[in-house]
């Protein structure tokens, strides 16, 4: 394998790695040589994913974790070090959006839950894992954010606020840990074919309305986000840190009228 994207010998924790974007990242990192720690709340689902990775020739271990519980996050880190010998890559993918509606209607409980799971857990995880990566000579901390953190959202504004905070978080991690060769970056997807957007892509008319003005005129696929994660974790991105990589088919840079398509 060419060395530019080679992850052989690296240990990668991927939270929320049993479906959607997280699953695609776990599979592709294993394909590129990493030992992947499959982690989500349900142990049996994690085991199924790990078994599939092993069947494809990859290396995977299972350590279930609820990222909103600090003691479980610490256990995830401690068990990874004990079982795998260290940590080189962290993909903070797990997140929630339990509220759909204007921010003015969100309760304090909803605010705390969204910020706790989507931001505070990533803050905890960075503080727990960056020292381990630094001790191994460097590493890569990746947060999965969202374009909802870049543009205002009338229905998922609370989610967007948390994702904007994630982008600020990675910039700070990059500054603090850069001297130890620990890089931190965010991936900022647009709409991707996951359960989060299922109501959109399963409705042909709604899908057409949503994508018709986007430059690529479609939503993304999980693998198209996984490729960016492999890049950010690999030697190819050794000079990339503090960056938020937008992968949205061009939605946030402009629109294209249907008649303008080539």
C-alpha atoms as a PDB file:
ATOM      1  CA  UNK A   1       0.000   0.000   0.000  1.00  0.00           C
ATOM      2  CA  UNK A   2       1.304   3.519  -0.768  1.00  0.00           C
ATOM      3  CA  UNK A   3       2.331   5.156   2.506  1.00  0.00           C
ATOM      4  CA  UNK A   4       0.549   8.500   2.039  1.00  0.00           C
ATOM      5  CA  UNK A   5      -2.762   7.177   3.384  1.00  0.00           C
ATOM      6  CA  UNK A   6      -1.403   4.156   5.252  1.00  0.00           C
ATOM      7  CA  UNK A   7      -2.722   3.691   8.806  1.00  0.00           C
ATOM      8  CA  UNK A   8      -0.935   0.415   9.503  1.00  0.00           C
ATOM      9  CA  UNK A   9      -0.027   0.073  13.171  1.00  0.00           C
ATOM     10  CA  UNK A  10      -2.298   2.922  14.236  1.00  0.00           C
ATOM     11  CA  UNK A  11      -5.057   2.592  16.828  1.00  0.00           C
ATOM     12  CA  UNK A  12      -8.252   4.502  16.075  1.00  0.00           C
ATOM     13  CA  UNK A  13     -11.184   5.127  18.408  1.00  0.00           C
ATOM     14  CA  UNK A  14     -14.379   5.904  16.485  1.00  0.00           C
ATOM     15  CA  UNK A  15     -17.397   6.831  18.602  1.00  0.00           C
ATOM     16  CA  UNK A  16     -20.860   6.152  17.250  1.00  0.00           C
ATOM     17  CA  UNK A  17     -19.322   3.698  14.819  1.00  0.00           C
ATOM     18  CA  UNK A  18     -22.167   1.220  14.319  1.00  0.00           C
ATOM     19  CA  UNK A  19     -24.117   3.094  11.643  1.00  0.00           C
ATOM     20  CA  UNK A  20     -23.993   5.903   9.138  1.00  0.00           C
ATOM     21  CA  UNK A  21     -20.888   8.063   8.912  1.00  0.00           C
ATOM     22  CA  UNK A  22     -19.224   6.473  11.940  1.00  0.00           C
ATOM     23  CA  UNK A  23     -19.605   2.980  10.501  1.00  0.00           C
ATOM     24  CA  UNK A  24     -18.166   4.046   7.155  1.00  0.00           C
ATOM     25  CA  UNK A  25     -15.182   5.671   8.895  1.00  0.00           C
ATOM     26  CA  UNK A  26     -14.508   2.588  11.012  1.00  0.00           C
ATOM     27  CA  UNK A  27     -14.611   0.292   7.991  1.00  0.00           C
ATOM     28  CA  UNK A  28     -12.380   2.489   5.848  1.00  0.00           C
ATOM     29  CA  UNK A  29      -9.800   3.103   8.572  1.00  0.00           C
ATOM     30  CA  UNK A  30      -9.575  -0.634   9.142  1.00  0.00           C
ATOM     31  CA  UNK A  31      -9.220  -1.123   5.387  1.00  0.00           C
ATOM     32  CA  UNK A  32      -6.239   1.248   5.465  1.00  0.00           C
ATOM     33  CA  UNK A  33      -4.552  -0.737   8.230  1.00  0.00           C
ATOM     34  CA  UNK A  34      -5.715   0.754  11.519  1.00  0.00           C
ATOM     35  CA  UNK A  35      -6.886  -1.257  14.494  1.00  0.00           C
ATOM     36  CA  UNK A  36     -10.330   0.239  15.010  1.00  0.00           C
ATOM     37  CA  UNK A  37     -12.095   0.512  18.355  1.00  0.00           C
ATOM     38  CA  UNK A  38     -15.771   0.127  17.542  1.00  0.00           C
ATOM     39  CA  UNK A  39     -17.828   1.979  20.108  1.00  0.00           C
ATOM     40  CA  UNK A  40     -21.472   2.859  20.650  1.00  0.00           C
ATOM     41  CA  UNK A  41     -23.996   2.266  23.420  1.00  0.00           C
ATOM     42  CA  UNK A  42     -25.071  -1.259  22.377  1.00  0.00           C
ATOM     43  CA  UNK A  43     -22.445  -3.959  22.778  1.00  0.00           C
ATOM     44  CA  UNK A  44     -24.187  -6.483  20.528  1.00  0.00           C
ATOM     45  CA  UNK A  45     -24.348  -4.062  17.607  1.00  0.00           C
ATOM     46  CA  UNK A  46     -20.686  -3.166  18.131  1.00  0.00           C
ATOM     47  CA  UNK A  47     -19.804  -6.870  18.020  1.00  0.00           C
ATOM     48  CA  UNK A  48     -21.621  -7.282  14.703  1.00  0.00           C
ATOM     49  CA  UNK A  49     -19.736  -4.364  13.150  1.00  0.00           C
ATOM     50  CA  UNK A  50     -16.388  -5.606  14.484  1.00  0.00           C
ATOM     51  CA  UNK A  51     -17.071  -9.101  13.153  1.00  0.00           C
ATOM     52  CA  UNK A  52     -17.792  -7.673   9.699  1.00  0.00           C
ATOM     53  CA  UNK A  53     -14.540  -5.677   9.762  1.00  0.00           C
ATOM     54  CA  UNK A  54     -12.572  -8.771  10.764  1.00  0.00           C
ATOM     55  CA  UNK A  55     -14.277 -10.804   8.030  1.00  0.00           C
ATOM     56  CA  UNK A  56     -13.009  -8.238   5.524  1.00  0.00           C
ATOM     57  CA  UNK A  57      -9.457  -8.683   6.817  1.00  0.00           C
ATOM     58  CA  UNK A  58      -9.371  -5.712   9.183  1.00  0.00           C
ATOM     59  CA  UNK A  59      -8.597  -5.411  12.874  1.00  0.00           C
ATOM     60  CA  UNK A  60     -11.311  -4.327  15.306  1.00  0.00           C
ATOM     61  CA  UNK A  61     -11.997  -4.439  19.023  1.00  0.00           C
ATOM     62  CA  UNK A  62     -15.235  -3.625  20.814  1.00  0.00           C
ATOM     63  CA  UNK A  63     -15.530  -1.207  23.728  1.00  0.00           C
ATOM     64  CA  UNK A  64     -19.109   0.020  24.249  1.00  0.00           C
ATOM     65  CA  UNK A  65     -19.563   3.544  25.579  1.00  0.00           C
ATOM     66  CA  UNK A  66     -22.216   6.189  26.188  1.00  0.00           C
ATOM     67  CA  UNK A  67     -20.283   9.351  25.348  1.00  0.00           C
ATOM     68  CA  UNK A  68     -22.475  11.492  27.582  1.00  0.00           C
ATOM     69  CA  UNK A  69     -21.165   9.679  30.674  1.00  0.00           C
ATOM     70  CA  UNK A  70     -17.692  10.758  31.669  1.00  0.00           C
ATOM     71  CA  UNK A  71     -16.855   7.550  33.499  1.00  0.00           C
ATOM     72  CA  UNK A  72     -17.716   5.500  30.409  1.00  0.00           C
ATOM     73  CA  UNK A  73     -15.554   7.715  28.208  1.00  0.00           C
ATOM     74  CA  UNK A  74     -12.648   7.280  30.605  1.00  0.00           C
ATOM     75  CA  UNK A  75     -13.196   3.533  30.539  1.00  0.00           C
ATOM     76  CA  UNK A  76     -13.176   3.630  26.722  1.00  0.00           C
ATOM     77  CA  UNK A  77      -9.796   5.346  26.773  1.00  0.00           C
ATOM     78  CA  UNK A  78      -8.308   3.169  29.511  1.00  0.00           C
ATOM     79  CA  UNK A  79      -9.473  -0.084  27.915  1.00  0.00           C
ATOM     80  CA  UNK A  80      -8.194   1.007  24.499  1.00  0.00           C
ATOM     81  CA  UNK A  81      -4.731   1.637  25.921  1.00  0.00           C
ATOM     82  CA  UNK A  82      -4.802  -1.652  27.843  1.00  0.00           C
ATOM     83  CA  UNK A  83      -5.975  -3.750  24.886  1.00  0.00           C
ATOM     84  CA  UNK A  84      -4.274  -1.980  21.988  1.00  0.00           C
ATOM     85  CA  UNK A  85      -1.190  -0.434  23.554  1.00  0.00           C
ATOM     86  CA  UNK A  86      -2.034   3.203  22.888  1.00  0.00           C
ATOM     87  CA  UNK A  87      -4.109   5.677  20.885  1.00  0.00           C
ATOM     88  CA  UNK A  88      -3.162   7.406  17.617  1.00  0.00           C
ATOM     89  CA  UNK A  89      -6.469   8.541  16.125  1.00  0.00           C
ATOM     90  CA  UNK A  90      -9.753   9.651  17.655  1.00  0.00           C
ATOM     91  CA  UNK A  91     -12.910  10.293  15.650  1.00  0.00           C
ATOM     92  CA  UNK A  92     -15.539  11.979  17.810  1.00  0.00           C
ATOM     93  CA  UNK A  93     -18.558  11.115  15.698  1.00  0.00           C
ATOM     94  CA  UNK A  94     -21.321  10.351  18.203  1.00  0.00           C
ATOM     95  CA  UNK A  95     -23.928  13.075  18.464  1.00  0.00           C
ATOM     96  CA  UNK A  96     -27.627  13.706  18.963  1.00  0.00           C
ATOM     97  CA  UNK A  97     -30.421  16.016  17.889  1.00  0.00           C
ATOM     98  CA  UNK A  98     -33.452  15.330  20.084  1.00  0.00           C
ATOM     99  CA  UNK A  99     -35.220  18.584  19.208  1.00  0.00           C
ATOM    100  CA  UNK A 100     -36.701  19.833  15.924  1.00  0.00           C
ATOM    101  CA  UNK A 101     -38.054  23.367  15.987  1.00  0.00           C
ATOM    102  CA  UNK A 102     -37.120  26.989  16.675  1.00  0.00           C
ATOM    103  CA  UNK A 103     -34.461  27.554  19.316  1.00  0.00           C
ATOM    104  CA  UNK A 104     -36.850  29.772  21.279  1.00  0.00           C
ATOM    105  CA  UNK A 105     -38.973  26.712  22.003  1.00  0.00           C
ATOM    106  CA  UNK A 106     -36.170  24.531  23.330  1.00  0.00           C
ATOM    107  CA  UNK A 107     -36.157  23.750  27.027  1.00  0.00           C
ATOM    108  CA  UNK A 108     -33.127  24.076  29.258  1.00  0.00           C
ATOM    109  CA  UNK A 109     -33.081  20.291  29.491  1.00  0.00           C
ATOM    110  CA  UNK A 110     -32.868  19.959  25.694  1.00  0.00           C
ATOM    111  CA  UNK A 111     -30.108  22.579  25.529  1.00  0.00           C
ATOM    112  CA  UNK A 112     -28.090  20.814  28.208  1.00  0.00           C
ATOM    113  CA  UNK A 113     -28.537  17.421  26.578  1.00  0.00           C
ATOM    114  CA  UNK A 114     -27.473  18.599  23.114  1.00  0.00           C
ATOM    115  CA  UNK A 115     -24.479  20.557  24.349  1.00  0.00           C
ATOM    116  CA  UNK A 116     -23.493  17.802  26.759  1.00  0.00           C
ATOM    117  CA  UNK A 117     -23.455  15.057  24.152  1.00  0.00           C
ATOM    118  CA  UNK A 118     -22.266  17.030  21.124  1.00  0.00           C
ATOM    119  CA  UNK A 119     -19.699  19.331  22.740  1.00  0.00           C
ATOM    120  CA  UNK A 120     -18.804  18.486  26.327  1.00  0.00           C
ATOM    121  CA  UNK A 121     -18.218  14.811  25.552  1.00  0.00           C
ATOM    122  CA  UNK A 122     -15.782  15.806  22.788  1.00  0.00           C
ATOM    123  CA  UNK A 123     -14.048  18.171  25.213  1.00  0.00           C
ATOM    124  CA  UNK A 124     -13.729  15.338  27.728  1.00  0.00           C
ATOM    125  CA  UNK A 125     -12.514  12.891  25.095  1.00  0.00           C
ATOM    126  CA  UNK A 126      -9.862  15.297  23.822  1.00  0.00           C
ATOM    127  CA  UNK A 127      -8.541  15.893  27.322  1.00  0.00           C
ATOM    128  CA  UNK A 128      -8.418  12.150  27.936  1.00  0.00           C
ATOM    129  CA  UNK A 129      -6.794  11.094  24.659  1.00  0.00           C
ATOM    130  CA  UNK A 130      -4.460  13.899  23.581  1.00  0.00           C
ATOM    131  CA  UNK A 131      -1.881  13.067  26.280  1.00  0.00           C
ATOM    132  CA  UNK A 132      -1.792   9.459  25.049  1.00  0.00           C
ATOM    133  CA  UNK A 133      -1.316  10.558  21.442  1.00  0.00           C
ATOM    134  CA  UNK A 134       1.392  13.023  22.452  1.00  0.00           C
ATOM    135  CA  UNK A 135       3.219  10.245  24.309  1.00  0.00           C
ATOM    136  CA  UNK A 136       3.336   8.223  21.057  1.00  0.00           C
ATOM    137  CA  UNK A 137       4.837  11.119  19.119  1.00  0.00           C
ATOM    138  CA  UNK A 138       1.631  12.612  17.778  1.00  0.00           C
ATOM    139  CA  UNK A 139      -1.834  11.796  16.548  1.00  0.00           C
ATOM    140  CA  UNK A 140      -5.039  13.032  14.996  1.00  0.00           C
ATOM    141  CA  UNK A 141      -8.216  14.154  16.768  1.00  0.00           C
ATOM    142  CA  UNK A 142     -11.180  14.497  14.425  1.00  0.00           C
ATOM    143  CA  UNK A 143     -14.646  15.834  15.248  1.00  0.00           C
ATOM    144  CA  UNK A 144     -17.623  15.275  12.955  1.00  0.00           C
ATOM    145  CA  UNK A 145     -19.399  18.624  12.848  1.00  0.00           C
ATOM    146  CA  UNK A 146     -22.096  19.817  10.392  1.00  0.00           C
ATOM    147  CA  UNK A 147     -22.869  22.670   8.014  1.00  0.00           C
ATOM    148  CA  UNK A 148     -25.651  23.453  10.484  1.00  0.00           C
ATOM    149  CA  UNK A 149     -22.817  25.047  12.455  1.00  0.00           C
ATOM    150  CA  UNK A 150     -22.031  27.397   9.552  1.00  0.00           C
ATOM    151  CA  UNK A 151     -25.447  28.565   8.346  1.00  0.00           C
ATOM    152  CA  UNK A 152     -28.508  29.469  10.388  1.00  0.00           C
ATOM    153  CA  UNK A 153     -31.179  26.794  10.721  1.00  0.00           C
ATOM    154  CA  UNK A 154     -34.860  27.472  11.488  1.00  0.00           C
ATOM    155  CA  UNK A 155     -35.557  23.928  12.748  1.00  0.00           C
ATOM    156  CA  UNK A 156     -32.245  22.505  13.981  1.00  0.00           C
ATOM    157  CA  UNK A 157     -30.677  25.657  15.373  1.00  0.00           C
ATOM    158  CA  UNK A 158     -29.770  24.096  18.707  1.00  0.00           C
ATOM    159  CA  UNK A 159     -27.945  21.297  16.915  1.00  0.00           C
ATOM    160  CA  UNK A 160     -26.189  23.901  14.765  1.00  0.00           C
ATOM    161  CA  UNK A 161     -24.993  25.838  17.806  1.00  0.00           C
ATOM    162  CA  UNK A 162     -23.402  22.682  19.197  1.00  0.00           C
ATOM    163  CA  UNK A 163     -21.711  21.932  15.887  1.00  0.00           C
ATOM    164  CA  UNK A 164     -20.310  25.458  15.661  1.00  0.00           C
ATOM    165  CA  UNK A 165     -18.878  24.952  19.145  1.00  0.00           C
ATOM    166  CA  UNK A 166     -17.213  21.743  17.932  1.00  0.00           C
ATOM    167  CA  UNK A 167     -15.368  23.707  15.250  1.00  0.00           C
ATOM    168  CA  UNK A 168     -14.128  26.152  17.883  1.00  0.00           C
ATOM    169  CA  UNK A 169     -13.082  23.213  20.039  1.00  0.00           C
ATOM    170  CA  UNK A 170     -10.829  21.704  17.393  1.00  0.00           C
ATOM    171  CA  UNK A 171      -9.114  25.024  16.770  1.00  0.00           C
ATOM    172  CA  UNK A 172      -8.249  25.264  20.442  1.00  0.00           C
ATOM    173  CA  UNK A 173      -7.063  21.648  20.613  1.00  0.00           C
ATOM    174  CA  UNK A 174      -4.873  22.328  17.570  1.00  0.00           C
ATOM    175  CA  UNK A 175      -3.239  25.305  19.282  1.00  0.00           C
ATOM    176  CA  UNK A 176      -2.718  23.590  22.631  1.00  0.00           C
ATOM    177  CA  UNK A 177      -1.486  20.237  21.364  1.00  0.00           C
ATOM    178  CA  UNK A 178       0.258  21.197  18.127  1.00  0.00           C
ATOM    179  CA  UNK A 179       3.690  21.417  19.807  1.00  0.00           C
ATOM    180  CA  UNK A 180       3.246  17.728  20.711  1.00  0.00           C
ATOM    181  CA  UNK A 181       2.416  16.880  17.081  1.00  0.00           C
ATOM    182  CA  UNK A 182      -1.234  16.202  17.874  1.00  0.00           C
ATOM    183  CA  UNK A 183      -3.417  17.571  15.088  1.00  0.00           C
ATOM    184  CA  UNK A 184      -7.100  18.456  15.439  1.00  0.00           C
ATOM    185  CA  UNK A 185      -9.569  18.963  12.613  1.00  0.00           C
ATOM    186  CA  UNK A 186     -13.299  18.938  11.993  1.00  0.00           C
ATOM    187  CA  UNK A 187     -15.201  17.363   9.144  1.00  0.00           C
ATOM    188  CA  UNK A 188     -18.270  19.431   8.289  1.00  0.00           C
ATOM    189  CA  UNK A 189     -20.753  17.375   6.248  1.00  0.00           C
ATOM    190  CA  UNK A 190     -23.844  18.565   4.491  1.00  0.00           C
ATOM    191  CA  UNK A 191     -26.776  16.218   4.080  1.00  0.00           C
ATOM    192  CA  UNK A 192     -25.608  12.611   3.919  1.00  0.00           C
ATOM    193  CA  UNK A 193     -27.577   9.421   3.299  1.00  0.00           C
ATOM    194  CA  UNK A 194     -27.919   8.381   6.950  1.00  0.00           C
ATOM    195  CA  UNK A 195     -30.808   7.816   9.355  1.00  0.00           C
ATOM    196  CA  UNK A 196     -30.557  11.492  10.367  1.00  0.00           C
ATOM    197  CA  UNK A 197     -31.732  12.526   6.871  1.00  0.00           C
ATOM    198  CA  UNK A 198     -33.865   9.476   6.081  1.00  0.00           C
ATOM    199  CA  UNK A 199     -37.133  11.432   5.897  1.00  0.00           C
ATOM    200  CA  UNK A 200     -35.603  13.537   3.129  1.00  0.00           C
ATOM    201  CA  UNK A 201     -33.945  10.957   0.902  1.00  0.00           C
ATOM    202  CA  UNK A 202     -36.832   8.483   1.101  1.00  0.00           C
ATOM    203  CA  UNK A 203     -39.259  11.126  -0.228  1.00  0.00           C
ATOM    204  CA  UNK A 204     -38.488  11.680  -3.951  1.00  0.00           C
ATOM    205  CA  UNK A 205     -40.283  15.017  -4.193  1.00  0.00           C
ATOM    206  CA  UNK A 206     -38.709  16.431  -1.053  1.00  0.00           C
ATOM    207  CA  UNK A 207     -35.310  15.131  -2.138  1.00  0.00           C
ATOM    208  CA  UNK A 208     -35.628  16.857  -5.506  1.00  0.00           C
ATOM    209  CA  UNK A 209     -36.665  20.162  -3.928  1.00  0.00           C
ATOM    210  CA  UNK A 210     -33.782  20.049  -1.461  1.00  0.00           C
ATOM    211  CA  UNK A 211     -31.030  19.125  -3.908  1.00  0.00           C
ATOM    212  CA  UNK A 212     -32.062  20.826  -7.146  1.00  0.00           C
ATOM    213  CA  UNK A 213     -30.278  24.113  -6.382  1.00  0.00           C
ATOM    214  CA  UNK A 214     -27.102  22.519  -4.970  1.00  0.00           C
ATOM    215  CA  UNK A 215     -24.100  22.511  -7.352  1.00  0.00           C
ATOM    216  CA  UNK A 216     -23.798  18.704  -7.321  1.00  0.00           C
ATOM    217  CA  UNK A 217     -27.595  18.303  -7.042  1.00  0.00           C
ATOM    218  CA  UNK A 218     -27.480  15.364  -4.661  1.00  0.00           C
ATOM    219  CA  UNK A 219     -26.780  14.469  -1.046  1.00  0.00           C
ATOM    220  CA  UNK A 220     -23.586  12.790   0.077  1.00  0.00           C
ATOM    221  CA  UNK A 221     -22.821   9.174   0.885  1.00  0.00           C
ATOM    222  CA  UNK A 222     -21.186   8.025   4.157  1.00  0.00           C
ATOM    223  CA  UNK A 223     -18.088   6.828   2.293  1.00  0.00           C
ATOM    224  CA  UNK A 224     -17.539  10.345   0.972  1.00  0.00           C
ATOM    225  CA  UNK A 225     -17.088  11.501   4.558  1.00  0.00           C
ATOM    226  CA  UNK A 226     -15.030   8.434   5.487  1.00  0.00           C
ATOM    227  CA  UNK A 227     -12.471   9.313   2.822  1.00  0.00           C
ATOM    228  CA  UNK A 228     -11.889  12.689   4.459  1.00  0.00           C
ATOM    229  CA  UNK A 229     -11.443  11.027   7.850  1.00  0.00           C
ATOM    230  CA  UNK A 230      -8.820   8.661   6.449  1.00  0.00           C
ATOM    231  CA  UNK A 231      -7.018  11.655   4.951  1.00  0.00           C
ATOM    232  CA  UNK A 232      -7.053  13.649   8.206  1.00  0.00           C
ATOM    233  CA  UNK A 233      -5.791  10.645  10.164  1.00  0.00           C
ATOM    234  CA  UNK A 234      -3.023   9.775   7.719  1.00  0.00           C
ATOM    235  CA  UNK A 235       0.462  11.073   6.857  1.00  0.00           C
ATOM    236  CA  UNK A 236      -1.171  12.884   3.913  1.00  0.00           C
ATOM    237  CA  UNK A 237      -2.562  15.423   6.410  1.00  0.00           C
ATOM    238  CA  UNK A 238       0.568  15.796   8.529  1.00  0.00           C
ATOM    239  CA  UNK A 239       0.556  19.591   7.968  1.00  0.00           C
ATOM    240  CA  UNK A 240      -3.219  20.031   8.357  1.00  0.00           C
ATOM    241  CA  UNK A 241      -4.528  21.157  11.730  1.00  0.00           C
ATOM    242  CA  UNK A 242      -7.161  23.490  13.118  1.00  0.00           C
ATOM    243  CA  UNK A 243      -9.146  23.138   9.904  1.00  0.00           C
ATOM    244  CA  UNK A 244     -12.874  22.591   9.323  1.00  0.00           C
ATOM    245  CA  UNK A 245     -13.272  20.650   6.091  1.00  0.00           C
ATOM    246  CA  UNK A 246     -16.675  21.279   4.523  1.00  0.00           C
ATOM    247  CA  UNK A 247     -18.028  18.371   2.458  1.00  0.00           C
ATOM    248  CA  UNK A 248     -21.486  19.387   1.298  1.00  0.00           C
ATOM    249  CA  UNK A 249     -21.670  19.141  -2.487  1.00  0.00           C
ATOM    250  CA  UNK A 250     -21.252  22.900  -2.665  1.00  0.00           C
ATOM    251  CA  UNK A 251     -24.389  23.858  -0.748  1.00  0.00           C
ATOM    252  CA  UNK A 252     -22.749  26.488   1.434  1.00  0.00           C
ATOM    253  CA  UNK A 253     -20.825  28.220  -1.364  1.00  0.00           C
ATOM    254  CA  UNK A 254     -23.743  28.940  -3.663  1.00  0.00           C
ATOM    255  CA  UNK A 255     -26.667  27.574  -5.589  1.00  0.00           C
ATOM    256  CA  UNK A 256     -27.213  26.654  -9.208  1.00  0.00           C
ATOM    257  CA  UNK A 257     -30.501  27.224 -10.990  1.00  0.00           C
ATOM    258  CA  UNK A 258     -31.657  24.046 -12.794  1.00  0.00           C
ATOM    259  CA  UNK A 259     -31.346  25.794 -16.190  1.00  0.00           C
ATOM    260  CA  UNK A 260     -27.676  26.558 -15.484  1.00  0.00           C
ATOM    261  CA  UNK A 261     -26.649  22.938 -15.169  1.00  0.00           C
ATOM    262  CA  UNK A 262     -24.373  21.564 -17.868  1.00  0.00           C
END
